[in-house]
Amino acid sequence: MTTSHRSARVPRPRHSPDTPRWGVVYGIPCLAVDRETGMPLTSRRVVVGYIGQSRQTVKQREEQHRDGRFGDLIVGGSFVIAEGRFTDRQLDELEQRYIREGVSLVPGEPPQRPVYNHDHNLDNPDRIEVWRAEEHRRARQPDWTPAGGTRIPRQRSAGWPIRLFRRSRGRRRRWTRTRIRAVSGTALWLATAIVSWVWLAIETSIPWPAVLLLAAAAASLLVGVVMPKTRRRRGRRR
């Protein structure tokens, strides 16, 4: 039994880890909670809940985190800590640095380390363990379950460049032969109509409605000749 050439192909990675690509390190502010009960503190104090990295948009990562163990505590929205073109290793090192050193929510205030990070955050005395954070959310929302029953994927799982402010892009229209012929036919129709209208009106005594009718008929005939015929696609034989 032989294996086809197509099935033997190994998919290539879309990007090399050593190729600088657009990425971001972001933070998510959360309400502080009581460590025992998991309920928000009456002071409504805001802390740095999470620090992560992403090749996606920050908004996308925020929406993914809202289904996680601290999603109901997110205040406002995520914020950008650092952004630019980084290799995978550079982005990892940048994320780890901010997890260990912390960030300031308000300029002038001392930096805070994230509460809900696990990796590179084990020596943080304010850290809330993953299991404890899940128990906290079930206490606040008894019917909560993690999305899909699994942990939230790593930030670079999508593998495509980030766009903080994405613009909706339509499909680019290519100038194919059919499109060129259609545009040419339309232009020829307009030119024929105008020339026929002016010439027949000046040189003959044909009434104006008849002039327009003749011009439209002549132009339609020319457009029908120029426009390509549509071809029916044949179905594949099984």
C-alpha atoms as a PDB file:
ATOM      1  CA  MET A   1       0.000   0.000   0.000  1.00  0.00           C
ATOM      2  CA  THR A   2       1.483   3.299  -1.067  1.00  0.00           C
ATOM      3  CA  THR A   3       0.949   6.671   0.526  1.00  0.00           C
ATOM      4  CA  SER A   4       0.000   9.579  -1.718  1.00  0.00           C
ATOM      5  CA  HIS A   5       2.339  12.511  -2.017  1.00  0.00           C
ATOM      6  CA  ARG A   6      -0.274  14.928  -0.737  1.00  0.00           C
ATOM      7  CA  SER A   7      -1.000  12.990   2.462  1.00  0.00           C
ATOM      8  CA  ALA A   8       2.725  12.687   3.208  1.00  0.00           C
ATOM      9  CA  ARG A   9       3.223  16.442   3.382  1.00  0.00           C
ATOM     10  CA  VAL A  10       4.139  17.919   6.739  1.00  0.00           C
ATOM     11  CA  PRO A  11       2.511  21.322   7.425  1.00  0.00           C
ATOM     12  CA  ARG A  12       5.046  24.080   7.818  1.00  0.00           C
ATOM     13  CA  PRO A  13       4.780  26.623  10.629  1.00  0.00           C
ATOM     14  CA  ARG A  14       3.426  29.950   9.477  1.00  0.00           C
ATOM     15  CA  HIS A  15       6.083  31.921  11.313  1.00  0.00           C
ATOM     16  CA  SER A  16       9.583  31.218  12.504  1.00  0.00           C
ATOM     17  CA  PRO A  17      10.132  31.721  16.265  1.00  0.00           C
ATOM     18  CA  ASP A  18      13.154  33.874  15.413  1.00  0.00           C
ATOM     19  CA  THR A  19      11.208  36.206  13.122  1.00  0.00           C
ATOM     20  CA  PRO A  20      10.181  39.482  14.802  1.00  0.00           C
ATOM     21  CA  ARG A  21       6.411  39.873  14.675  1.00  0.00           C
ATOM     22  CA  TRP A  22       3.968  42.293  16.184  1.00  0.00           C
ATOM     23  CA  GLY A  23       3.135  41.412  19.778  1.00  0.00           C
ATOM     24  CA  VAL A  24       1.951  42.963  22.991  1.00  0.00           C
ATOM     25  CA  VAL A  25       2.258  42.511  26.735  1.00  0.00           C
ATOM     26  CA  TYR A  26      -1.003  43.454  28.422  1.00  0.00           C
ATOM     27  CA  GLY A  27      -2.459  43.723  31.895  1.00  0.00           C
ATOM     28  CA  ILE A  28      -5.961  43.146  33.245  1.00  0.00           C
ATOM     29  CA  PRO A  29      -7.188  45.060  36.327  1.00  0.00           C
ATOM     30  CA  CYS A  30      -9.499  43.192  38.703  1.00  0.00           C
ATOM     31  CA  LEU A  31     -11.372  43.813  41.918  1.00  0.00           C
ATOM     32  CA  ALA A  32      -9.571  42.651  45.034  1.00  0.00           C
ATOM     33  CA  VAL A  33     -11.277  39.761  46.803  1.00  0.00           C
ATOM     34  CA  ASP A  34     -11.246  38.252  50.243  1.00  0.00           C
ATOM     35  CA  ARG A  35      -8.794  35.361  50.172  1.00  0.00           C
ATOM     36  CA  GLU A  36     -11.044  33.067  52.183  1.00  0.00           C
ATOM     37  CA  THR A  37     -14.470  33.720  50.676  1.00  0.00           C
ATOM     38  CA  GLY A  38     -13.545  35.026  47.214  1.00  0.00           C
ATOM     39  CA  MET A  39     -16.013  37.885  47.523  1.00  0.00           C
ATOM     40  CA  PRO A  40     -15.004  41.409  46.398  1.00  0.00           C
ATOM     41  CA  LEU A  41     -13.772  43.604  49.218  1.00  0.00           C
ATOM     42  CA  THR A  42     -16.064  46.372  50.388  1.00  0.00           C
ATOM     43  CA  SER A  43     -13.343  48.911  49.616  1.00  0.00           C
ATOM     44  CA  ARG A  44     -13.690  48.046  45.899  1.00  0.00           C
ATOM     45  CA  ARG A  45      -9.899  48.190  45.626  1.00  0.00           C
ATOM     46  CA  VAL A  46      -8.508  47.434  42.146  1.00  0.00           C
ATOM     47  CA  VAL A  47      -5.409  45.298  41.696  1.00  0.00           C
ATOM     48  CA  VAL A  48      -3.399  43.968  38.768  1.00  0.00           C
ATOM     49  CA  GLY A  49      -5.229  40.731  38.121  1.00  0.00           C
ATOM     50  CA  TYR A  50      -3.246  39.259  35.244  1.00  0.00           C
ATOM     51  CA  ILE A  51      -0.297  39.984  32.956  1.00  0.00           C
ATOM     52  CA  GLY A  52       0.047  38.168  29.669  1.00  0.00           C
ATOM     53  CA  GLN A  53       1.336  38.332  26.136  1.00  0.00           C
ATOM     54  CA  SER A  54      -0.482  38.024  22.856  1.00  0.00           C
ATOM     55  CA  ARG A  55      -0.187  38.068  19.091  1.00  0.00           C
ATOM     56  CA  GLN A  56      -3.926  38.629  18.952  1.00  0.00           C
ATOM     57  CA  THR A  57      -5.763  41.834  19.759  1.00  0.00           C
ATOM     58  CA  VAL A  58      -5.888  42.824  23.392  1.00  0.00           C
ATOM     59  CA  LYS A  59      -9.678  42.918  23.210  1.00  0.00           C
ATOM     60  CA  GLN A  60      -9.800  39.312  22.018  1.00  0.00           C
ATOM     61  CA  ARG A  61      -7.653  38.130  24.891  1.00  0.00           C
ATOM     62  CA  GLU A  62      -9.785  40.073  27.342  1.00  0.00           C
ATOM     63  CA  GLU A  63     -12.966  38.395  26.068  1.00  0.00           C
ATOM     64  CA  GLN A  64     -11.306  34.983  26.430  1.00  0.00           C
ATOM     65  CA  HIS A  65     -10.316  35.769  30.010  1.00  0.00           C
ATOM     66  CA  ARG A  66     -13.890  36.759  30.893  1.00  0.00           C
ATOM     67  CA  ASP A  67     -14.818  33.080  30.747  1.00  0.00           C
ATOM     68  CA  GLY A  68     -11.945  32.221  33.083  1.00  0.00           C
ATOM     69  CA  ARG A  69     -11.572  32.029  36.827  1.00  0.00           C
ATOM     70  CA  PHE A  70     -11.361  35.809  37.372  1.00  0.00           C
ATOM     71  CA  GLY A  71     -13.443  37.033  34.428  1.00  0.00           C
ATOM     72  CA  ASP A  72     -16.289  38.409  36.548  1.00  0.00           C
ATOM     73  CA  LEU A  73     -13.838  40.615  38.477  1.00  0.00           C
ATOM     74  CA  ILE A  74     -12.400  42.472  35.472  1.00  0.00           C
ATOM     75  CA  VAL A  75     -12.712  46.227  35.887  1.00  0.00           C
ATOM     76  CA  GLY A  76     -12.926  48.434  32.807  1.00  0.00           C
ATOM     77  CA  GLY A  77     -10.768  46.550  30.351  1.00  0.00           C
ATOM     78  CA  SER A  78      -7.271  45.383  29.566  1.00  0.00           C
ATOM     79  CA  PHE A  79      -4.413  47.823  29.023  1.00  0.00           C
ATOM     80  CA  VAL A  80      -1.199  47.694  27.009  1.00  0.00           C
ATOM     81  CA  ILE A  81       2.054  47.492  28.926  1.00  0.00           C
ATOM     82  CA  ALA A  82       4.449  47.132  25.987  1.00  0.00           C
ATOM     83  CA  GLU A  83       4.020  46.573  22.272  1.00  0.00           C
ATOM     84  CA  GLY A  84       6.258  46.231  19.242  1.00  0.00           C
ATOM     85  CA  ARG A  85       7.889  43.653  16.994  1.00  0.00           C
ATOM     86  CA  PHE A  86       9.419  40.808  18.977  1.00  0.00           C
ATOM     87  CA  THR A  87      10.609  37.272  18.431  1.00  0.00           C
ATOM     88  CA  ASP A  88       8.932  34.602  20.534  1.00  0.00           C
ATOM     89  CA  ARG A  89      11.842  34.570  22.937  1.00  0.00           C
ATOM     90  CA  GLN A  90      11.880  38.346  23.342  1.00  0.00           C
ATOM     91  CA  LEU A  91       8.148  38.419  24.005  1.00  0.00           C
ATOM     92  CA  ASP A  92       8.493  35.634  26.592  1.00  0.00           C
ATOM     93  CA  GLU A  93      11.272  37.494  28.393  1.00  0.00           C
ATOM     94  CA  LEU A  94       9.306  40.742  28.372  1.00  0.00           C
ATOM     95  CA  GLU A  95       6.222  39.075  29.810  1.00  0.00           C
ATOM     96  CA  GLN A  96       8.240  37.326  32.531  1.00  0.00           C
ATOM     97  CA  ARG A  97       9.955  40.560  33.496  1.00  0.00           C
ATOM     98  CA  TYR A  98       6.683  42.392  34.088  1.00  0.00           C
ATOM     99  CA  ILE A  99       5.226  39.425  35.984  1.00  0.00           C
ATOM    100  CA  ARG A 100       8.204  39.460  38.349  1.00  0.00           C
ATOM    101  CA  GLU A 101       8.548  43.248  38.644  1.00  0.00           C
ATOM    102  CA  GLY A 102       4.887  44.251  38.396  1.00  0.00           C
ATOM    103  CA  VAL A 103       3.258  47.293  36.813  1.00  0.00           C
ATOM    104  CA  SER A 104       1.600  50.442  38.130  1.00  0.00           C
ATOM    105  CA  LEU A 105      -2.103  50.910  37.536  1.00  0.00           C
ATOM    106  CA  VAL A 106      -1.808  54.636  38.245  1.00  0.00           C
ATOM    107  CA  PRO A 107       1.313  56.705  37.444  1.00  0.00           C
ATOM    108  CA  GLY A 108       3.253  57.392  40.605  1.00  0.00           C
ATOM    109  CA  GLU A 109       1.941  54.395  42.514  1.00  0.00           C
ATOM    110  CA  PRO A 110       4.214  51.445  43.330  1.00  0.00           C
ATOM    111  CA  PRO A 111       4.082  48.546  40.848  1.00  0.00           C
ATOM    112  CA  GLN A 112       1.875  45.572  41.635  1.00  0.00           C
ATOM    113  CA  ARG A 113       2.529  41.990  40.713  1.00  0.00           C
ATOM    114  CA  PRO A 114      -0.379  40.099  39.151  1.00  0.00           C
ATOM    115  CA  VAL A 115      -2.676  38.156  41.436  1.00  0.00           C
ATOM    116  CA  TYR A 116      -3.867  35.384  39.100  1.00  0.00           C
ATOM    117  CA  ASN A 117      -0.701  34.488  37.185  1.00  0.00           C
ATOM    118  CA  HIS A 118       0.800  31.106  37.999  1.00  0.00           C
ATOM    119  CA  ASP A 119       3.990  30.795  35.929  1.00  0.00           C
ATOM    120  CA  HIS A 120       6.898  32.975  37.094  1.00  0.00           C
ATOM    121  CA  ASN A 121       4.711  34.195  39.981  1.00  0.00           C
ATOM    122  CA  LEU A 122       5.061  31.482  42.623  1.00  0.00           C
ATOM    123  CA  ASP A 123       7.063  33.730  44.977  1.00  0.00           C
ATOM    124  CA  ASN A 124       4.350  36.403  44.976  1.00  0.00           C
ATOM    125  CA  PRO A 125       2.752  36.477  48.466  1.00  0.00           C
ATOM    126  CA  ASP A 126      -0.444  37.997  47.060  1.00  0.00           C
ATOM    127  CA  ARG A 127      -0.892  35.278  44.444  1.00  0.00           C
ATOM    128  CA  ILE A 128      -4.194  33.386  44.434  1.00  0.00           C
ATOM    129  CA  GLU A 129      -3.728  29.787  43.363  1.00  0.00           C
ATOM    130  CA  VAL A 130      -5.562  28.470  40.314  1.00  0.00           C
ATOM    131  CA  TRP A 131      -7.656  25.999  42.303  1.00  0.00           C
ATOM    132  CA  ARG A 132      -8.526  28.628  44.886  1.00  0.00           C
ATOM    133  CA  ALA A 133      -9.494  31.158  42.193  1.00  0.00           C
ATOM    134  CA  GLU A 134     -11.801  28.561  40.605  1.00  0.00           C
ATOM    135  CA  GLU A 135     -13.425  27.890  43.980  1.00  0.00           C
ATOM    136  CA  HIS A 136     -13.844  31.638  44.451  1.00  0.00           C
ATOM    137  CA  ARG A 137     -15.673  32.046  41.171  1.00  0.00           C
ATOM    138  CA  ARG A 138     -17.967  29.098  41.907  1.00  0.00           C
ATOM    139  CA  ALA A 139     -18.773  30.753  45.223  1.00  0.00           C
ATOM    140  CA  ARG A 140     -19.666  33.969  43.411  1.00  0.00           C
ATOM    141  CA  GLN A 141     -21.372  32.159  40.499  1.00  0.00           C
ATOM    142  CA  PRO A 142     -22.423  28.576  41.347  1.00  0.00           C
ATOM    143  CA  ASP A 143     -23.305  27.632  37.759  1.00  0.00           C
ATOM    144  CA  TRP A 144     -19.897  28.703  36.374  1.00  0.00           C
ATOM    145  CA  THR A 145     -17.716  26.182  34.554  1.00  0.00           C
ATOM    146  CA  PRO A 146     -14.501  26.844  32.587  1.00  0.00           C
ATOM    147  CA  ALA A 147     -15.090  27.395  28.881  1.00  0.00           C
ATOM    148  CA  GLY A 148     -15.144  24.000  27.182  1.00  0.00           C
ATOM    149  CA  GLY A 149     -14.032  22.379  30.410  1.00  0.00           C
ATOM    150  CA  THR A 150     -10.400  23.263  29.618  1.00  0.00           C
ATOM    151  CA  ARG A 151      -7.981  25.979  30.555  1.00  0.00           C
ATOM    152  CA  ILE A 152      -7.725  29.119  28.464  1.00  0.00           C
ATOM    153  CA  PRO A 153      -5.152  28.542  25.681  1.00  0.00           C
ATOM    154  CA  ARG A 154      -1.815  30.301  25.697  1.00  0.00           C
ATOM    155  CA  GLN A 155      -1.692  33.779  24.271  1.00  0.00           C
ATOM    156  CA  ARG A 156       0.145  32.874  21.067  1.00  0.00           C
ATOM    157  CA  SER A 157      -2.182  30.018  20.101  1.00  0.00           C
ATOM    158  CA  ALA A 158      -3.640  31.942  17.169  1.00  0.00           C
ATOM    159  CA  GLY A 159      -0.233  32.758  15.672  1.00  0.00           C
ATOM    160  CA  TRP A 160      -1.267  35.785  13.632  1.00  0.00           C
ATOM    161  CA  PRO A 161      -0.079  39.393  14.068  1.00  0.00           C
ATOM    162  CA  ILE A 162      -1.874  41.652  16.492  1.00  0.00           C
ATOM    163  CA  ARG A 163      -3.823  44.717  15.443  1.00  0.00           C
ATOM    164  CA  LEU A 164      -4.853  46.858  18.390  1.00  0.00           C
ATOM    165  CA  PHE A 165      -7.236  48.882  16.256  1.00  0.00           C
ATOM    166  CA  ARG A 166      -8.270  46.634  13.426  1.00  0.00           C
ATOM    167  CA  ARG A 167      -9.954  48.065  10.404  1.00  0.00           C
ATOM    168  CA  SER A 168     -12.541  46.013   8.628  1.00  0.00           C
ATOM    169  CA  ARG A 169     -11.068  45.073   5.307  1.00  0.00           C
ATOM    170  CA  GLY A 170     -13.209  43.922   2.444  1.00  0.00           C
ATOM    171  CA  ARG A 171     -12.032  41.542  -0.184  1.00  0.00           C
ATOM    172  CA  ARG A 172      -9.658  43.096  -2.636  1.00  0.00           C
ATOM    173  CA  ARG A 173     -11.139  43.242  -6.094  1.00  0.00           C
ATOM    174  CA  ARG A 174      -8.814  41.949  -8.722  1.00  0.00           C
ATOM    175  CA  TRP A 175      -8.944  43.227 -12.272  1.00  0.00           C
ATOM    176  CA  THR A 176      -9.669  39.958 -14.037  1.00  0.00           C
ATOM    177  CA  ARG A 177     -10.456  39.644 -17.728  1.00  0.00           C
ATOM    178  CA  THR A 178     -14.150  39.350 -17.030  1.00  0.00           C
ATOM    179  CA  ARG A 179     -14.147  42.509 -14.937  1.00  0.00           C
ATOM    180  CA  ILE A 180     -12.135  44.417 -17.571  1.00  0.00           C
ATOM    181  CA  ARG A 181     -14.542  43.334 -20.278  1.00  0.00           C
ATOM    182  CA  ALA A 182     -17.519  44.368 -18.195  1.00  0.00           C
ATOM    183  CA  VAL A 183     -16.055  47.820 -17.546  1.00  0.00           C
ATOM    184  CA  SER A 184     -15.085  48.176 -21.204  1.00  0.00           C
ATOM    185  CA  GLY A 185     -18.576  47.160 -22.285  1.00  0.00           C
ATOM    186  CA  THR A 186     -20.159  49.722 -19.982  1.00  0.00           C
ATOM    187  CA  ALA A 187     -17.878  52.471 -21.236  1.00  0.00           C
ATOM    188  CA  LEU A 188     -18.616  51.484 -24.835  1.00  0.00           C
ATOM    189  CA  TRP A 189     -22.339  51.522 -24.112  1.00  0.00           C
ATOM    190  CA  LEU A 190     -22.157  55.063 -22.722  1.00  0.00           C
ATOM    191  CA  ALA A 191     -20.018  56.313 -25.579  1.00  0.00           C
ATOM    192  CA  THR A 192     -22.314  54.780 -28.205  1.00  0.00           C
ATOM    193  CA  ALA A 193     -25.427  56.191 -26.548  1.00  0.00           C
ATOM    194  CA  ILE A 194     -24.010  59.725 -26.382  1.00  0.00           C
ATOM    195  CA  VAL A 195     -22.594  59.725 -29.914  1.00  0.00           C
ATOM    196  CA  SER A 196     -25.743  58.224 -31.401  1.00  0.00           C
ATOM    197  CA  TRP A 197     -27.958  60.643 -29.521  1.00  0.00           C
ATOM    198  CA  VAL A 198     -26.036  63.724 -30.610  1.00  0.00           C
ATOM    199  CA  TRP A 199     -25.488  62.635 -34.226  1.00  0.00           C
ATOM    200  CA  LEU A 200     -29.036  61.492 -34.926  1.00  0.00           C
ATOM    201  CA  ALA A 201     -30.488  64.567 -33.278  1.00  0.00           C
ATOM    202  CA  ILE A 202     -28.406  66.918 -35.387  1.00  0.00           C
ATOM    203  CA  GLU A 203     -28.338  65.157 -38.761  1.00  0.00           C
ATOM    204  CA  THR A 204     -31.852  63.701 -38.915  1.00  0.00           C
ATOM    205  CA  SER A 205     -35.380  64.648 -37.966  1.00  0.00           C
ATOM    206  CA  ILE A 206     -36.017  61.504 -35.911  1.00  0.00           C
ATOM    207  CA  PRO A 207     -37.881  62.372 -32.689  1.00  0.00           C
ATOM    208  CA  TRP A 208     -35.911  62.293 -29.427  1.00  0.00           C
ATOM    209  CA  PRO A 209     -37.502  59.124 -27.915  1.00  0.00           C
ATOM    210  CA  ALA A 210     -36.641  57.180 -31.032  1.00  0.00           C
ATOM    211  CA  VAL A 211     -33.060  58.455 -30.845  1.00  0.00           C
ATOM    212  CA  LEU A 212     -32.651  57.128 -27.333  1.00  0.00           C
ATOM    213  CA  LEU A 213     -34.274  53.829 -28.271  1.00  0.00           C
ATOM    214  CA  LEU A 214     -31.954  53.298 -31.222  1.00  0.00           C
ATOM    215  CA  ALA A 215     -28.887  54.240 -29.201  1.00  0.00           C
ATOM    216  CA  ALA A 216     -29.796  51.858 -26.389  1.00  0.00           C
ATOM    217  CA  ALA A 217     -30.456  49.017 -28.825  1.00  0.00           C
ATOM    218  CA  ALA A 218     -27.136  49.508 -30.615  1.00  0.00           C
ATOM    219  CA  ALA A 219     -25.201  49.741 -27.348  1.00  0.00           C
ATOM    220  CA  SER A 220     -26.882  46.655 -25.901  1.00  0.00           C
ATOM    221  CA  LEU A 221     -25.910  44.700 -29.007  1.00  0.00           C
ATOM    222  CA  LEU A 222     -22.288  45.763 -28.659  1.00  0.00           C
ATOM    223  CA  VAL A 223     -22.209  44.966 -24.953  1.00  0.00           C
ATOM    224  CA  GLY A 224     -23.585  41.499 -25.653  1.00  0.00           C
ATOM    225  CA  VAL A 225     -20.737  40.887 -28.090  1.00  0.00           C
ATOM    226  CA  VAL A 226     -18.052  42.173 -25.730  1.00  0.00           C
ATOM    227  CA  MET A 227     -19.253  40.490 -22.534  1.00  0.00           C
ATOM    228  CA  PRO A 228     -17.914  36.946 -22.010  1.00  0.00           C
ATOM    229  CA  LYS A 229     -20.218  33.994 -21.802  1.00  0.00           C
ATOM    230  CA  THR A 230     -20.676  32.344 -18.446  1.00  0.00           C
ATOM    231  CA  ARG A 231     -19.372  28.843 -18.202  1.00  0.00           C
ATOM    232  CA  ARG A 232     -20.994  26.148 -16.181  1.00  0.00           C
ATOM    233  CA  ARG A 233     -18.750  24.301 -13.822  1.00  0.00           C
ATOM    234  CA  ARG A 234     -18.775  20.604 -14.244  1.00  0.00           C
ATOM    235  CA  GLY A 235     -19.174  18.558 -11.135  1.00  0.00           C
ATOM    236  CA  ARG A 236     -16.344  16.301 -10.097  1.00  0.00           C
ATOM    237  CA  ARG A 237     -16.747  12.683 -10.825  1.00  0.00           C
ATOM    238  CA  ARG A 238     -16.561  10.499  -7.829  1.00  0.00           C
END
